[in-house]
Amino acid sequence: MTGSQDDRGREPVPDLASLLRLIDRSAYRDQLADVQGRRRLVFEALASHENPMWREIGEQLRDGRMEIRDVLRVQAYWEKVQQGLAEHGEEFRQAAIDAKEQLEREEAERRERER
């Protein structure tokens, strides 16, 4: 575990500003800077999800039949998002921590190569 711990003894989620600084200096910068590209990746992932509700949401977003804000307006979709966050919140938290650690390793390797 790196850094300080949260009140449950877990590594804290990296703050958004530090993640963005690392991304800005990474090889992923251009790919992640492309808002439409990011959305396409997410929408396609949802559209091919095994769960029919996620698939329906993803297909509508991907095909332009629905905007992201519309997910909040459809009660069944909003409940699905809340359920997903409740069920997978720890996975998201760990993914953010892992992403920060990977970006830090890659930045250190890049600096080493530049010496």
Protein backbone atom coordinates (compact mmCIF):
# COMPACT_ATOMS: atom_id res chain seq x y z
CA MET A 1 0.00 0.00 0.00
CA THR A 2 1.32 3.45 -0.88
CA GLY A 3 0.50 6.80 0.66
CA SER A 4 -1.75 7.37 3.65
CA GLN A 5 -4.79 5.26 4.39
CA ASP A 6 -8.45 6.19 4.57
CA ASP A 7 -10.55 5.70 7.71
CA ARG A 8 -11.06 2.01 6.81
CA GLY A 9 -7.34 1.34 6.42
CA ARG A 10 -7.48 1.36 2.63
CA GLU A 11 -5.30 3.29 0.23
CA PRO A 12 -7.14 6.53 -0.62
CA VAL A 13 -8.46 7.14 -4.11
CA PRO A 14 -6.10 9.48 -5.98
CA ASP A 15 -7.37 13.01 -6.35
CA LEU A 16 -8.52 13.96 -9.83
CA ALA A 17 -5.95 16.72 -10.25
CA SER A 18 -3.01 14.36 -9.72
CA LEU A 19 -4.47 11.80 -12.12
CA LEU A 20 -4.99 14.47 -14.78
CA ARG A 21 -1.41 15.73 -14.40
CA LEU A 22 -0.10 12.19 -14.85
CA ILE A 23 -2.35 11.58 -17.86
CA ASP A 24 -1.24 14.86 -19.43
CA ARG A 25 2.37 13.63 -19.34
CA SER A 26 1.55 10.09 -20.49
CA ALA A 27 1.41 8.26 -23.80
CA TYR A 28 -2.39 8.09 -23.33
CA ARG A 29 -2.81 11.86 -23.41
CA ASP A 30 -4.06 12.23 -26.98
CA GLN A 31 -6.33 9.20 -26.78
CA LEU A 32 -7.90 10.36 -23.50
CA ALA A 33 -8.14 13.97 -24.68
CA ASP A 34 -10.49 12.88 -27.46
CA VAL A 35 -13.89 13.22 -25.76
CA GLN A 36 -15.79 11.63 -28.63
CA GLY A 37 -13.32 8.75 -28.79
CA ARG A 38 -13.67 8.09 -25.06
CA ARG A 39 -17.42 8.14 -25.33
CA ARG A 40 -17.38 5.74 -28.27
CA LEU A 41 -15.26 3.29 -26.28
CA VAL A 42 -17.56 3.45 -23.26
CA PHE A 43 -20.76 3.29 -25.31
CA GLU A 44 -19.47 0.33 -27.31
CA ALA A 45 -18.45 -1.48 -24.12
CA LEU A 46 -21.92 -0.94 -22.68
CA ALA A 47 -23.60 -1.98 -25.95
CA SER A 48 -21.75 -5.30 -25.86
CA HIS A 49 -22.33 -5.91 -22.14
CA GLU A 50 -23.80 -9.24 -21.08
CA ASN A 51 -26.48 -7.53 -18.97
CA PRO A 52 -29.49 -6.59 -21.13
CA MET A 53 -30.13 -3.29 -19.32
CA TRP A 54 -26.52 -2.08 -19.78
CA ARG A 55 -26.65 -3.29 -23.38
CA GLU A 56 -29.85 -1.30 -24.01
CA ILE A 57 -28.36 1.84 -22.46
CA GLY A 58 -25.14 1.42 -24.45
CA GLU A 59 -26.92 0.84 -27.75
CA GLN A 60 -29.05 3.94 -27.31
CA LEU A 61 -26.03 6.07 -26.35
CA ARG A 62 -23.88 4.65 -29.15
CA ASP A 63 -26.59 5.11 -31.78
CA GLY A 64 -27.37 8.68 -30.66
CA ARG A 65 -30.93 7.87 -29.62
CA MET A 66 -30.17 9.02 -26.09
CA GLU A 67 -27.83 11.52 -24.42
CA ILE A 68 -25.89 10.75 -21.24
CA ARG A 69 -28.14 13.06 -19.23
CA ASP A 70 -31.14 10.99 -20.36
CA VAL A 71 -29.82 8.04 -18.35
CA LEU A 72 -30.62 10.08 -15.24
CA ARG A 73 -34.14 10.84 -16.46
CA VAL A 74 -35.21 7.24 -17.04
CA GLN A 75 -35.94 5.76 -13.61
CA ALA A 76 -34.98 2.18 -14.53
CA TYR A 77 -31.66 3.34 -16.02
CA TRP A 78 -30.85 5.56 -13.05
CA GLU A 79 -31.59 2.69 -10.67
CA LYS A 80 -29.26 0.46 -12.73
CA VAL A 81 -26.47 3.05 -12.46
CA GLN A 82 -26.96 3.32 -8.70
CA GLN A 83 -27.00 -0.47 -8.36
CA GLY A 84 -23.81 -0.73 -10.41
CA LEU A 85 -22.07 1.87 -8.28
CA ALA A 86 -23.14 0.10 -5.09
CA GLU A 87 -22.01 -3.31 -6.39
CA HIS A 88 -18.78 -2.23 -8.08
CA GLY A 89 -17.73 0.91 -6.21
CA GLU A 90 -14.72 -0.81 -4.66
CA GLU A 91 -13.61 -2.07 -8.09
CA PHE A 92 -13.80 1.48 -9.48
CA ARG A 93 -11.87 2.76 -6.47
CA GLN A 94 -9.16 0.16 -7.00
CA ALA A 95 -9.05 0.86 -10.75
CA ALA A 96 -8.35 4.54 -10.03
CA ILE A 97 -5.55 3.58 -7.63
CA ASP A 98 -4.10 1.07 -10.13
CA ALA A 99 -4.27 3.61 -12.97
CA LYS A 100 -2.39 6.20 -10.93
CA GLU A 101 0.29 3.67 -9.98
CA GLN A 102 0.70 2.55 -13.61
CA LEU A 103 0.97 6.13 -14.85
CA GLU A 104 3.57 6.89 -12.18
CA ARG A 105 5.63 3.82 -13.18
CA GLU A 106 5.45 4.77 -16.87
CA GLU A 107 6.45 8.35 -16.10
CA ALA A 108 9.44 7.14 -14.05
CA GLU A 109 10.49 4.81 -16.89
CA ARG A 110 10.17 7.65 -19.41
CA ARG A 111 12.32 9.93 -17.27
CA GLU A 112 14.91 7.16 -16.90
CA ARG A 113 15.07 6.70 -20.69
CA GLU A 114 15.50 10.45 -21.19
CA ARG A 115 18.62 10.54 -18.98
